[in-house]
Amino acid sequence: MSATTLLKWITGMCEAFLAIPVIGGTFILSGGWQPLLFMFVFHVIVLIVSVKQNEFSSGSVAGMVANALGIIPVVGWILHTITAIILIIDAGKSTVKK
């Protein structure tokens, strides 16, 4: 499994956690919105690693958008859900392909 695939699995699971309505929202609020900043930076790192390995990650771009707009309660929840799905599907395809 490549580093990019592993990072996609990790970010996908983190986004799935943030997409859990009450739990994810409580985690974000209790962290003073810092989890959104952390995930934004994490997605930037994953995107850089992906590009260097010639495996562009649209899930990382979606993750940056989701975390930038995650301060909007319902919109953030929807975007985290969509991003988690994109990343998990992309990671699954990368795992099967190898």
N, C-alpha and C. Protein backbone atom coordinates (compact mmCIF):
# COMPACT_ATOMS: atom_id res chain seq x y z
N MET A 1 0.85 -1.18 0.00
CA MET A 1 0.00 0.00 0.00
C MET A 1 0.90 1.24 0.00
N SER A 2 0.60 2.15 -0.91
CA SER A 2 1.41 3.36 -1.01
C SER A 2 1.07 4.33 0.11
N ALA A 3 1.97 5.27 0.32
CA ALA A 3 1.76 6.29 1.35
C ALA A 3 0.51 7.10 1.04
N THR A 4 0.29 7.40 -0.22
CA THR A 4 -0.88 8.17 -0.61
C THR A 4 -2.17 7.42 -0.28
N THR A 5 -2.20 6.14 -0.56
CA THR A 5 -3.39 5.34 -0.27
C THR A 5 -3.66 5.31 1.23
N LEU A 6 -2.62 5.11 2.02
CA LEU A 6 -2.77 5.10 3.48
C LEU A 6 -3.29 6.45 3.98
N LEU A 7 -2.74 7.53 3.46
CA LEU A 7 -3.19 8.87 3.87
C LEU A 7 -4.64 9.12 3.47
N LYS A 8 -5.05 8.61 2.32
CA LYS A 8 -6.45 8.74 1.90
C LYS A 8 -7.38 7.99 2.86
N TRP A 9 -6.97 6.79 3.28
CA TRP A 9 -7.77 6.03 4.24
C TRP A 9 -7.89 6.80 5.55
N ILE A 10 -6.77 7.34 6.03
CA ILE A 10 -6.78 8.06 7.31
C ILE A 10 -7.65 9.31 7.22
N THR A 11 -7.46 10.11 6.16
CA THR A 11 -8.26 11.34 6.05
C THR A 11 -9.73 11.01 5.82
N GLY A 12 -10.00 9.94 5.09
CA GLY A 12 -11.39 9.52 4.88
C GLY A 12 -12.08 9.15 6.18
N MET A 13 -11.38 8.41 7.04
CA MET A 13 -11.94 8.03 8.33
C MET A 13 -12.12 9.26 9.24
N CYS A 14 -11.15 10.16 9.21
CA CYS A 14 -11.28 11.40 10.01
C CYS A 14 -12.47 12.23 9.55
N GLU A 15 -12.64 12.35 8.24
CA GLU A 15 -13.78 13.10 7.71
C GLU A 15 -15.09 12.39 8.06
N ALA A 16 -15.10 11.07 8.03
CA ALA A 16 -16.31 10.32 8.40
C ALA A 16 -16.65 10.59 9.87
N PHE A 17 -15.65 10.67 10.72
CA PHE A 17 -15.89 10.98 12.13
C PHE A 17 -16.49 12.38 12.27
N LEU A 18 -15.93 13.34 11.54
CA LEU A 18 -16.45 14.71 11.62
C LEU A 18 -17.87 14.81 11.05
N ALA A 19 -18.25 13.87 10.20
CA ALA A 19 -19.58 13.89 9.58
C ALA A 19 -20.66 13.31 10.48
N ILE A 20 -20.29 12.71 11.60
CA ILE A 20 -21.30 12.19 12.53
C ILE A 20 -21.97 13.41 13.17
N PRO A 21 -23.28 13.60 12.94
CA PRO A 21 -23.94 14.84 13.32
C PRO A 21 -23.64 15.39 14.72
N VAL A 22 -23.96 14.72 15.76
CA VAL A 22 -23.78 15.28 17.10
C VAL A 22 -22.33 15.13 17.57
N ILE A 23 -21.76 13.97 17.35
CA ILE A 23 -20.41 13.70 17.84
C ILE A 23 -19.37 14.56 17.12
N GLY A 24 -19.41 14.58 15.80
CA GLY A 24 -18.45 15.38 15.03
C GLY A 24 -18.58 16.87 15.35
N GLY A 25 -19.82 17.34 15.42
CA GLY A 25 -20.05 18.76 15.73
C GLY A 25 -19.56 19.13 17.12
N THR A 26 -19.81 18.25 18.09
CA THR A 26 -19.35 18.49 19.45
C THR A 26 -17.83 18.50 19.52
N PHE A 27 -17.20 17.57 18.80
CA PHE A 27 -15.73 17.52 18.76
C PHE A 27 -15.16 18.82 18.19
N ILE A 28 -15.75 19.29 17.11
CA ILE A 28 -15.28 20.52 16.48
C ILE A 28 -15.47 21.71 17.41
N LEU A 29 -16.65 21.82 18.00
CA LEU A 29 -16.92 22.94 18.89
C LEU A 29 -16.07 22.89 20.15
N SER A 30 -15.89 21.70 20.73
CA SER A 30 -15.09 21.59 21.95
C SER A 30 -13.62 21.89 21.68
N GLY A 31 -13.19 21.70 20.46
CA GLY A 31 -11.82 22.01 20.08
C GLY A 31 -11.64 23.44 19.63
N GLY A 32 -12.68 24.24 19.76
CA GLY A 32 -12.58 25.64 19.35
C GLY A 32 -12.31 25.82 17.88
N TRP A 33 -12.91 24.98 17.06
CA TRP A 33 -12.78 24.98 15.60
C TRP A 33 -11.39 24.55 15.12
N GLN A 34 -10.49 24.21 16.03
CA GLN A 34 -9.15 23.79 15.64
C GLN A 34 -9.12 22.49 14.83
N PRO A 35 -10.04 21.54 15.08
CA PRO A 35 -10.03 20.33 14.25
C PRO A 35 -10.21 20.64 12.76
N LEU A 36 -10.98 21.69 12.45
CA LEU A 36 -11.17 22.06 11.04
C LEU A 36 -9.85 22.58 10.44
N LEU A 37 -9.14 23.37 11.21
CA LEU A 37 -7.85 23.89 10.74
C LEU A 37 -6.85 22.74 10.57
N PHE A 38 -6.81 21.84 11.55
CA PHE A 38 -5.92 20.69 11.47
C PHE A 38 -6.21 19.86 10.21
N MET A 39 -7.49 19.56 10.00
CA MET A 39 -7.86 18.74 8.84
C MET A 39 -7.56 19.46 7.53
N PHE A 40 -7.75 20.78 7.49
CA PHE A 40 -7.43 21.54 6.28
C PHE A 40 -5.95 21.36 5.94
N VAL A 41 -5.10 21.55 6.94
CA VAL A 41 -3.65 21.41 6.73
C VAL A 41 -3.31 19.96 6.35
N PHE A 42 -3.96 19.00 7.01
CA PHE A 42 -3.73 17.58 6.70
C PHE A 42 -4.08 17.28 5.25
N HIS A 43 -5.18 17.85 4.75
CA HIS A 43 -5.57 17.64 3.35
C HIS A 43 -4.55 18.28 2.40
N VAL A 44 -4.01 19.43 2.77
CA VAL A 44 -2.97 20.06 1.94
C VAL A 44 -1.76 19.14 1.85
N ILE A 45 -1.35 18.57 2.98
CA ILE A 45 -0.20 17.67 3.00
C ILE A 45 -0.46 16.44 2.14
N VAL A 46 -1.65 15.85 2.28
CA VAL A 46 -2.00 14.67 1.48
C VAL A 46 -2.00 15.02 -0.01
N LEU A 47 -2.52 16.18 -0.35
CA LEU A 47 -2.52 16.60 -1.76
C LEU A 47 -1.10 16.74 -2.29
N ILE A 48 -0.21 17.34 -1.52
CA ILE A 48 1.18 17.50 -1.94
C ILE A 48 1.85 16.13 -2.14
N VAL A 49 1.65 15.23 -1.18
CA VAL A 49 2.22 13.88 -1.30
C VAL A 49 1.64 13.17 -2.52
N SER A 50 0.34 13.32 -2.74
CA SER A 50 -0.33 12.67 -3.88
C SER A 50 0.23 13.17 -5.20
N VAL A 51 0.39 14.48 -5.32
CA VAL A 51 0.90 15.06 -6.57
C VAL A 51 2.33 14.60 -6.81
N LYS A 52 3.14 14.53 -5.75
CA LYS A 52 4.53 14.08 -5.91
C LYS A 52 4.60 12.62 -6.34
N GLN A 53 3.57 11.82 -6.00
CA GLN A 53 3.54 10.42 -6.42
C GLN A 53 2.68 10.22 -7.67
N ASN A 54 2.36 11.31 -8.35
CA ASN A 54 1.54 11.28 -9.56
C ASN A 54 0.19 10.62 -9.34
N GLU A 55 -0.41 10.84 -8.18
CA GLU A 55 -1.73 10.31 -7.85
C GLU A 55 -2.59 11.46 -7.31
N PHE A 56 -3.06 12.32 -8.17
CA PHE A 56 -3.87 13.47 -7.74
C PHE A 56 -5.04 13.00 -6.89
N SER A 57 -5.33 13.73 -5.82
CA SER A 57 -6.39 13.36 -4.90
C SER A 57 -7.49 14.42 -4.89
N SER A 58 -8.57 14.14 -5.62
CA SER A 58 -9.70 15.07 -5.62
C SER A 58 -10.35 15.11 -4.25
N GLY A 59 -10.22 14.02 -3.48
CA GLY A 59 -10.76 13.99 -2.13
C GLY A 59 -10.08 15.00 -1.22
N SER A 60 -8.81 15.23 -1.43
CA SER A 60 -8.10 16.23 -0.62
C SER A 60 -8.58 17.63 -0.94
N VAL A 61 -8.85 17.90 -2.20
CA VAL A 61 -9.39 19.21 -2.58
C VAL A 61 -10.78 19.38 -1.97
N ALA A 62 -11.59 18.34 -2.06
CA ALA A 62 -12.93 18.39 -1.44
C ALA A 62 -12.80 18.58 0.07
N GLY A 63 -11.81 17.95 0.68
CA GLY A 63 -11.58 18.09 2.11
C GLY A 63 -11.19 19.50 2.50
N MET A 64 -10.39 20.15 1.67
CA MET A 64 -10.02 21.55 1.97
C MET A 64 -11.26 22.43 1.92
N VAL A 65 -12.11 22.21 0.93
CA VAL A 65 -13.35 22.98 0.82
C VAL A 65 -14.26 22.68 2.03
N ALA A 66 -14.40 21.40 2.37
CA ALA A 66 -15.27 21.00 3.49
C ALA A 66 -14.81 21.63 4.79
N ASN A 67 -13.52 21.68 5.01
CA ASN A 67 -13.01 22.23 6.26
C ASN A 67 -12.99 23.75 6.27
N ALA A 68 -12.89 24.36 5.10
CA ALA A 68 -12.99 25.82 5.04
C ALA A 68 -14.42 26.27 5.29
N LEU A 69 -15.39 25.48 4.81
CA LEU A 69 -16.80 25.85 4.97
C LEU A 69 -17.45 25.10 6.14
N GLY A 70 -16.67 24.33 6.88
CA GLY A 70 -17.19 23.53 7.97
C GLY A 70 -17.75 24.33 9.13
N ILE A 71 -17.50 25.62 9.16
CA ILE A 71 -18.05 26.45 10.24
C ILE A 71 -19.55 26.66 10.08
N ILE A 72 -20.06 26.38 8.89
CA ILE A 72 -21.50 26.50 8.65
C ILE A 72 -22.12 25.14 9.00
N PRO A 73 -22.89 25.07 10.09
CA PRO A 73 -23.32 23.78 10.65
C PRO A 73 -23.84 22.73 9.66
N VAL A 74 -24.93 22.93 8.98
CA VAL A 74 -25.49 21.89 8.12
C VAL A 74 -24.65 21.70 6.86
N VAL A 75 -24.16 22.78 6.31
CA VAL A 75 -23.30 22.70 5.12
C VAL A 75 -22.04 21.91 5.44
N GLY A 76 -21.44 22.18 6.60
CA GLY A 76 -20.24 21.45 7.01
C GLY A 76 -20.49 19.97 7.12
N TRP A 77 -21.62 19.60 7.73
CA TRP A 77 -21.96 18.19 7.88
C TRP A 77 -22.08 17.51 6.52
N ILE A 78 -22.78 18.15 5.58
CA ILE A 78 -22.96 17.58 4.25
C ILE A 78 -21.62 17.45 3.53
N LEU A 79 -20.80 18.49 3.61
CA LEU A 79 -19.50 18.47 2.93
C LEU A 79 -18.56 17.43 3.54
N HIS A 80 -18.56 17.28 4.86
CA HIS A 80 -17.73 16.25 5.49
C HIS A 80 -18.17 14.86 5.04
N THR A 81 -19.47 14.66 4.93
CA THR A 81 -20.00 13.37 4.48
C THR A 81 -19.56 13.07 3.05
N ILE A 82 -19.74 14.03 2.17
CA ILE A 82 -19.35 13.85 0.76
C ILE A 82 -17.85 13.60 0.64
N THR A 83 -17.06 14.38 1.38
CA THR A 83 -15.60 14.23 1.34
C THR A 83 -15.18 12.85 1.84
N ALA A 84 -15.79 12.39 2.92
CA ALA A 84 -15.46 11.06 3.45
C ALA A 84 -15.74 9.99 2.40
N ILE A 85 -16.88 10.10 1.75
CA ILE A 85 -17.24 9.11 0.72
C ILE A 85 -16.23 9.14 -0.43
N ILE A 86 -15.90 10.33 -0.90
CA ILE A 86 -14.93 10.45 -2.01
C ILE A 86 -13.59 9.84 -1.62
N LEU A 87 -13.09 10.19 -0.42
CA LEU A 87 -11.78 9.70 -0.01
C LEU A 87 -11.76 8.19 0.19
N ILE A 88 -12.81 7.65 0.79
CA ILE A 88 -12.85 6.21 1.04
C ILE A 88 -12.96 5.42 -0.26
N ILE A 89 -13.76 5.91 -1.19
CA ILE A 89 -13.86 5.25 -2.50
C ILE A 89 -12.53 5.32 -3.23
N ASP A 90 -11.89 6.50 -3.21
CA ASP A 90 -10.60 6.68 -3.87
C ASP A 90 -9.54 5.78 -3.24
N ALA A 91 -9.53 5.71 -1.93
CA ALA A 91 -8.55 4.85 -1.24
C ALA A 91 -8.82 3.38 -1.57
N GLY A 92 -10.09 3.01 -1.61
CA GLY A 92 -10.43 1.63 -1.96
C GLY A 92 -9.99 1.26 -3.36
N LYS A 93 -10.20 2.17 -4.30
CA LYS A 93 -9.76 1.92 -5.67
C LYS A 93 -8.24 1.79 -5.74
N SER A 94 -7.54 2.64 -5.00
CA SER A 94 -6.08 2.58 -4.99
C SER A 94 -5.59 1.29 -4.36
N THR A 95 -6.28 0.81 -3.33
CA THR A 95 -5.88 -0.43 -2.66
C THR A 95 -6.07 -1.62 -3.59
N VAL A 96 -7.18 -1.67 -4.31
CA VAL A 96 -7.48 -2.78 -5.22
C VAL A 96 -6.54 -2.75 -6.42
N LYS A 97 -6.22 -1.55 -6.91
CA LYS A 97 -5.40 -1.38 -8.09
C LYS A 97 -3.98 -1.90 -7.90
N LYS A 98 -3.45 -1.82 -6.70
CA LYS A 98 -2.04 -2.17 -6.45
C LYS A 98 -1.81 -3.64 -6.43
